[in-house]
């Protein structure tokens, strides 16, 4: 009884909205408060809208929800679930859905499963360009020779210790171990 008589966030209880009056509970109440009366529906709708909007904003903020930009016909996209590139043909009848033309078929996908790409489906993607010749060392033996010359004087600084090379890494070891 007390649960059904407790007011909601909008100020009215479940039973008050259903029956049009407050119900009798073990808590003493003035009898004039139990008389039938209609709830102010306009005020109730405004209060409910404000409450639901606040809930929506809190949920979206907590889950980092954001609107994704719309795609236009002719945009190139990556279809995440099939792992292939395609072109947007048109929007579908449902919200945020698009018709996608891929090399193998025509698909309908939600915007969430589409990533815009700057490359057309038929073009090869050249993501890694070769490094210019000036940045590539011509003779790696010279590099190793430099390290060996630098470390030559350190060999035997402490008794039982030495220096070794593994690629470009310098290794120290101790004979005491």
C-alpha atoms as a PDB file:
ATOM      1  CA  UNK A   1       0.000   0.000   0.000  1.00  0.00           C
ATOM      2  CA  UNK A   2       2.677   2.451   0.979  1.00  0.00           C
ATOM      3  CA  UNK A   3       4.601   1.749  -2.256  1.00  0.00           C
ATOM      4  CA  UNK A   4       1.549   2.463  -4.406  1.00  0.00           C
ATOM      5  CA  UNK A   5       0.833   5.629  -2.454  1.00  0.00           C
ATOM      6  CA  UNK A   6       4.396   7.012  -2.694  1.00  0.00           C
ATOM      7  CA  UNK A   7       4.655   9.942  -5.109  1.00  0.00           C
ATOM      8  CA  UNK A   8       6.772   9.601  -8.257  1.00  0.00           C
ATOM      9  CA  UNK A   9       9.203  12.214  -9.584  1.00  0.00           C
ATOM     10  CA  UNK A  10       6.260  14.001 -11.226  1.00  0.00           C
ATOM     11  CA  UNK A  11       4.541  14.496  -7.843  1.00  0.00           C
ATOM     12  CA  UNK A  12       1.708  11.947  -8.331  1.00  0.00           C
ATOM     13  CA  UNK A  13       1.541   8.319  -7.165  1.00  0.00           C
ATOM     14  CA  UNK A  14       0.638   5.335  -9.363  1.00  0.00           C
ATOM     15  CA  UNK A  15      -2.786   4.962  -7.805  1.00  0.00           C
ATOM     16  CA  UNK A  16      -3.487   8.678  -7.924  1.00  0.00           C
ATOM     17  CA  UNK A  17      -2.929   8.639 -11.689  1.00  0.00           C
ATOM     18  CA  UNK A  18      -4.965   5.425 -12.108  1.00  0.00           C
ATOM     19  CA  UNK A  19      -7.894   6.105  -9.782  1.00  0.00           C
ATOM     20  CA  UNK A  20      -7.950   9.893  -9.730  1.00  0.00           C
ATOM     21  CA  UNK A  21      -7.583  10.111  -5.956  1.00  0.00           C
ATOM     22  CA  UNK A  22      -5.185   9.315  -3.131  1.00  0.00           C
ATOM     23  CA  UNK A  23      -5.676   5.931  -1.472  1.00  0.00           C
ATOM     24  CA  UNK A  24      -6.152   5.294   2.203  1.00  0.00           C
ATOM     25  CA  UNK A  25      -2.980   4.090   3.973  1.00  0.00           C
ATOM     26  CA  UNK A  26      -2.094   3.327   7.601  1.00  0.00           C
ATOM     27  CA  UNK A  27      -0.557   6.803   7.772  1.00  0.00           C
ATOM     28  CA  UNK A  28      -3.182   9.247   9.062  1.00  0.00           C
ATOM     29  CA  UNK A  29      -4.413  11.710   6.407  1.00  0.00           C
ATOM     30  CA  UNK A  30      -7.063  14.438   6.411  1.00  0.00           C
ATOM     31  CA  UNK A  31     -10.170  13.042   4.742  1.00  0.00           C
ATOM     32  CA  UNK A  32     -10.446  16.055   2.388  1.00  0.00           C
ATOM     33  CA  UNK A  33      -7.174  14.888   0.728  1.00  0.00           C
ATOM     34  CA  UNK A  34      -8.866  11.593  -0.202  1.00  0.00           C
ATOM     35  CA  UNK A  35     -11.574  13.263  -2.317  1.00  0.00           C
ATOM     36  CA  UNK A  36     -11.472  12.441  -6.051  1.00  0.00           C
ATOM     37  CA  UNK A  37      -9.813  14.994  -8.311  1.00  0.00           C
ATOM     38  CA  UNK A  38      -8.077  14.966 -11.677  1.00  0.00           C
ATOM     39  CA  UNK A  39      -4.356  15.459 -12.012  1.00  0.00           C
ATOM     40  CA  UNK A  40      -3.188  18.496 -13.962  1.00  0.00           C
ATOM     41  CA  UNK A  41      -2.337  16.643 -17.195  1.00  0.00           C
ATOM     42  CA  UNK A  42      -0.542  19.558 -18.881  1.00  0.00           C
ATOM     43  CA  UNK A  43       1.758  20.014 -15.890  1.00  0.00           C
ATOM     44  CA  UNK A  44       2.196  16.234 -15.651  1.00  0.00           C
ATOM     45  CA  UNK A  45       3.267  15.961 -19.328  1.00  0.00           C
ATOM     46  CA  UNK A  46       5.751  18.835 -18.995  1.00  0.00           C
ATOM     47  CA  UNK A  47       7.253  17.320 -15.842  1.00  0.00           C
ATOM     48  CA  UNK A  48       7.536  13.872 -17.463  1.00  0.00           C
ATOM     49  CA  UNK A  49       9.197  15.335 -20.567  1.00  0.00           C
ATOM     50  CA  UNK A  50      11.758  17.216 -18.485  1.00  0.00           C
ATOM     51  CA  UNK A  51      12.471  14.081 -16.421  1.00  0.00           C
ATOM     52  CA  UNK A  52      12.910  11.851 -19.491  1.00  0.00           C
ATOM     53  CA  UNK A  53      15.131  14.411 -21.219  1.00  0.00           C
ATOM     54  CA  UNK A  54      17.335  14.560 -18.113  1.00  0.00           C
ATOM     55  CA  UNK A  55      17.555  10.742 -18.067  1.00  0.00           C
ATOM     56  CA  UNK A  56      18.460  10.687 -21.776  1.00  0.00           C
ATOM     57  CA  UNK A  57      21.199  13.301 -21.333  1.00  0.00           C
ATOM     58  CA  UNK A  58      22.691  11.466 -18.348  1.00  0.00           C
ATOM     59  CA  UNK A  59      22.672   8.157 -20.234  1.00  0.00           C
ATOM     60  CA  UNK A  60      24.256   9.680 -23.349  1.00  0.00           C
ATOM     61  CA  UNK A  61      26.925  11.415 -21.292  1.00  0.00           C
ATOM     62  CA  UNK A  62      27.768   8.260 -19.338  1.00  0.00           C
ATOM     63  CA  UNK A  63      28.037   6.124 -22.485  1.00  0.00           C
ATOM     64  CA  UNK A  64      29.739   8.842 -24.578  1.00  0.00           C
ATOM     65  CA  UNK A  65      26.970   8.774 -27.160  1.00  0.00           C
ATOM     66  CA  UNK A  66      27.398  11.137 -30.082  1.00  0.00           C
ATOM     67  CA  UNK A  67      25.776  11.744 -33.451  1.00  0.00           C
ATOM     68  CA  UNK A  68      27.750  10.353 -36.366  1.00  0.00           C
ATOM     69  CA  UNK A  69      28.041  12.555 -39.463  1.00  0.00           C
ATOM     70  CA  UNK A  70      25.718  11.650 -42.322  1.00  0.00           C
ATOM     71  CA  UNK A  71      27.081  10.012 -45.466  1.00  0.00           C
ATOM     72  CA  UNK A  72      26.295  11.253 -48.965  1.00  0.00           C
ATOM     73  CA  UNK A  73      25.772   9.128 -52.100  1.00  0.00           C
ATOM     74  CA  UNK A  74      29.156   8.579 -53.734  1.00  0.00           C
ATOM     75  CA  UNK A  75      31.126   8.553 -50.450  1.00  0.00           C
ATOM     76  CA  UNK A  76      33.683   5.758 -50.112  1.00  0.00           C
ATOM     77  CA  UNK A  77      33.325   3.645 -46.957  1.00  0.00           C
ATOM     78  CA  UNK A  78      34.826   0.640 -45.208  1.00  0.00           C
ATOM     79  CA  UNK A  79      32.222  -1.973 -44.197  1.00  0.00           C
ATOM     80  CA  UNK A  80      33.433  -3.235 -40.804  1.00  0.00           C
ATOM     81  CA  UNK A  81      31.604  -6.567 -40.611  1.00  0.00           C
ATOM     82  CA  UNK A  82      32.564  -7.802 -44.114  1.00  0.00           C
ATOM     83  CA  UNK A  83      36.015  -6.207 -44.208  1.00  0.00           C
ATOM     84  CA  UNK A  84      35.707  -4.679 -47.679  1.00  0.00           C
ATOM     85  CA  UNK A  85      35.424  -1.248 -49.232  1.00  0.00           C
ATOM     86  CA  UNK A  86      32.289   0.091 -50.860  1.00  0.00           C
ATOM     87  CA  UNK A  87      30.498   3.152 -52.155  1.00  0.00           C
ATOM     88  CA  UNK A  88      27.328   4.680 -50.697  1.00  0.00           C
ATOM     89  CA  UNK A  89      24.520   4.414 -53.264  1.00  0.00           C
ATOM     90  CA  UNK A  90      21.679   5.956 -51.240  1.00  0.00           C
ATOM     91  CA  UNK A  91      20.023   6.108 -47.855  1.00  0.00           C
ATOM     92  CA  UNK A  92      17.756   3.218 -46.885  1.00  0.00           C
ATOM     93  CA  UNK A  93      14.224   3.612 -45.582  1.00  0.00           C
ATOM     94  CA  UNK A  94      15.221   3.189 -41.938  1.00  0.00           C
ATOM     95  CA  UNK A  95      17.057   5.868 -39.931  1.00  0.00           C
ATOM     96  CA  UNK A  96      20.890   5.911 -40.158  1.00  0.00           C
ATOM     97  CA  UNK A  97      20.929   3.072 -42.744  1.00  0.00           C
ATOM     98  CA  UNK A  98      22.603   3.180 -46.129  1.00  0.00           C
ATOM     99  CA  UNK A  99      22.694   1.080 -49.298  1.00  0.00           C
ATOM    100  CA  UNK A 100      26.337   0.197 -50.049  1.00  0.00           C
ATOM    101  CA  UNK A 101      27.722  -1.082 -53.353  1.00  0.00           C
ATOM    102  CA  UNK A 102      30.733  -3.370 -52.801  1.00  0.00           C
ATOM    103  CA  UNK A 103      32.762  -5.220 -55.441  1.00  0.00           C
ATOM    104  CA  UNK A 104      30.897  -8.443 -54.602  1.00  0.00           C
ATOM    105  CA  UNK A 105      27.343  -7.318 -53.779  1.00  0.00           C
ATOM    106  CA  UNK A 106      24.936  -4.616 -52.634  1.00  0.00           C
ATOM    107  CA  UNK A 107      24.454  -4.302 -48.867  1.00  0.00           C
ATOM    108  CA  UNK A 108      22.297  -2.368 -46.433  1.00  0.00           C
ATOM    109  CA  UNK A 109      24.168  -1.351 -43.293  1.00  0.00           C
ATOM    110  CA  UNK A 110      23.662   0.924 -40.311  1.00  0.00           C
ATOM    111  CA  UNK A 111      25.925   3.988 -40.085  1.00  0.00           C
ATOM    112  CA  UNK A 112      27.667   2.470 -37.059  1.00  0.00           C
ATOM    113  CA  UNK A 113      29.150  -0.296 -39.275  1.00  0.00           C
ATOM    114  CA  UNK A 114      30.522   2.125 -41.899  1.00  0.00           C
ATOM    115  CA  UNK A 115      33.785   4.075 -41.709  1.00  0.00           C
ATOM    116  CA  UNK A 116      34.451   6.812 -44.281  1.00  0.00           C
ATOM    117  CA  UNK A 117      37.611   6.263 -46.353  1.00  0.00           C
ATOM    118  CA  UNK A 118      39.349   8.606 -48.784  1.00  0.00           C
ATOM    119  CA  UNK A 119      40.123   5.780 -51.249  1.00  0.00           C
ATOM    120  CA  UNK A 120      37.671   4.470 -53.863  1.00  0.00           C
ATOM    121  CA  UNK A 121      36.868   0.708 -53.741  1.00  0.00           C
ATOM    122  CA  UNK A 122      38.746  -0.160 -56.954  1.00  0.00           C
ATOM    123  CA  UNK A 123      41.908   1.813 -56.151  1.00  0.00           C
ATOM    124  CA  UNK A 124      44.764   0.140 -54.272  1.00  0.00           C
ATOM    125  CA  UNK A 125      45.438   1.766 -50.933  1.00  0.00           C
ATOM    126  CA  UNK A 126      49.074   2.878 -50.738  1.00  0.00           C
ATOM    127  CA  UNK A 127      49.220   3.486 -47.007  1.00  0.00           C
ATOM    128  CA  UNK A 128      52.959   2.920 -46.613  1.00  0.00           C
ATOM    129  CA  UNK A 129      55.210   4.929 -48.850  1.00  0.00           C
ATOM    130  CA  UNK A 130      58.869   3.918 -49.158  1.00  0.00           C
ATOM    131  CA  UNK A 131      61.321   5.984 -47.148  1.00  0.00           C
ATOM    132  CA  UNK A 132      63.573   8.350 -49.078  1.00  0.00           C
ATOM    133  CA  UNK A 133      67.027   6.977 -49.783  1.00  0.00           C
ATOM    134  CA  UNK A 134      68.732   9.660 -47.735  1.00  0.00           C
ATOM    135  CA  UNK A 135      67.209   8.348 -44.463  1.00  0.00           C
ATOM    136  CA  UNK A 136      68.210   4.713 -45.056  1.00  0.00           C
ATOM    137  CA  UNK A 137      71.782   3.972 -43.873  1.00  0.00           C
ATOM    138  CA  UNK A 138      73.842   2.697 -46.802  1.00  0.00           C
ATOM    139  CA  UNK A 139      76.311   0.637 -44.796  1.00  0.00           C
ATOM    140  CA  UNK A 140      75.182  -0.826 -41.476  1.00  0.00           C
ATOM    141  CA  UNK A 141      78.638  -2.346 -40.947  1.00  0.00           C
ATOM    142  CA  UNK A 142      79.948   1.202 -40.440  1.00  0.00           C
ATOM    143  CA  UNK A 143      77.376   1.685 -37.683  1.00  0.00           C
ATOM    144  CA  UNK A 144      78.444  -1.534 -35.925  1.00  0.00           C
ATOM    145  CA  UNK A 145      82.087  -0.549 -36.362  1.00  0.00           C
ATOM    146  CA  UNK A 146      81.374   2.750 -34.623  1.00  0.00           C
ATOM    147  CA  UNK A 147      79.845   0.983 -31.615  1.00  0.00           C
ATOM    148  CA  UNK A 148      82.688  -1.506 -31.402  1.00  0.00           C
ATOM    149  CA  UNK A 149      85.259   1.293 -31.461  1.00  0.00           C
ATOM    150  CA  UNK A 150      83.398   3.215 -28.742  1.00  0.00           C
ATOM    151  CA  UNK A 151      83.029   0.192 -26.475  1.00  0.00           C
ATOM    152  CA  UNK A 152      86.543  -1.233 -27.039  1.00  0.00           C
ATOM    153  CA  UNK A 153      88.050   0.871 -24.288  1.00  0.00           C
ATOM    154  CA  UNK A 154      85.383  -0.188 -21.755  1.00  0.00           C
ATOM    155  CA  UNK A 155      86.168  -3.892 -21.935  1.00  0.00           C
ATOM    156  CA  UNK A 156      87.678  -5.023 -18.643  1.00  0.00           C
ATOM    157  CA  UNK A 157      87.024  -1.792 -16.736  1.00  0.00           C
ATOM    158  CA  UNK A 158      85.825  -3.901 -13.839  1.00  0.00           C
ATOM    159  CA  UNK A 159      87.453  -7.291 -13.362  1.00  0.00           C
ATOM    160  CA  UNK A 160      85.352 -10.137 -14.771  1.00  0.00           C
ATOM    161  CA  UNK A 161      83.050  -7.938 -16.843  1.00  0.00           C
ATOM    162  CA  UNK A 162      82.801  -7.413 -20.583  1.00  0.00           C
ATOM    163  CA  UNK A 163      80.790  -5.956 -23.421  1.00  0.00           C
ATOM    164  CA  UNK A 164      79.033  -7.901 -26.189  1.00  0.00           C
ATOM    165  CA  UNK A 165      76.917  -6.933 -29.176  1.00  0.00           C
ATOM    166  CA  UNK A 166      73.570  -8.289 -30.326  1.00  0.00           C
ATOM    167  CA  UNK A 167      72.481  -6.297 -33.358  1.00  0.00           C
ATOM    168  CA  UNK A 168      72.602  -2.694 -32.186  1.00  0.00           C
ATOM    169  CA  UNK A 169      72.092  -3.555 -28.508  1.00  0.00           C
ATOM    170  CA  UNK A 170      74.975  -3.461 -26.057  1.00  0.00           C
ATOM    171  CA  UNK A 171      75.116  -6.369 -23.616  1.00  0.00           C
ATOM    172  CA  UNK A 172      77.021  -6.331 -20.335  1.00  0.00           C
ATOM    173  CA  UNK A 173      77.878  -9.539 -18.547  1.00  0.00           C
ATOM    174  CA  UNK A 174      79.689 -10.537 -15.432  1.00  0.00           C
ATOM    175  CA  UNK A 175      81.756 -13.688 -14.891  1.00  0.00           C
ATOM    176  CA  UNK A 176      80.952 -13.614 -11.192  1.00  0.00           C
ATOM    177  CA  UNK A 177      77.351 -14.796 -11.828  1.00  0.00           C
END
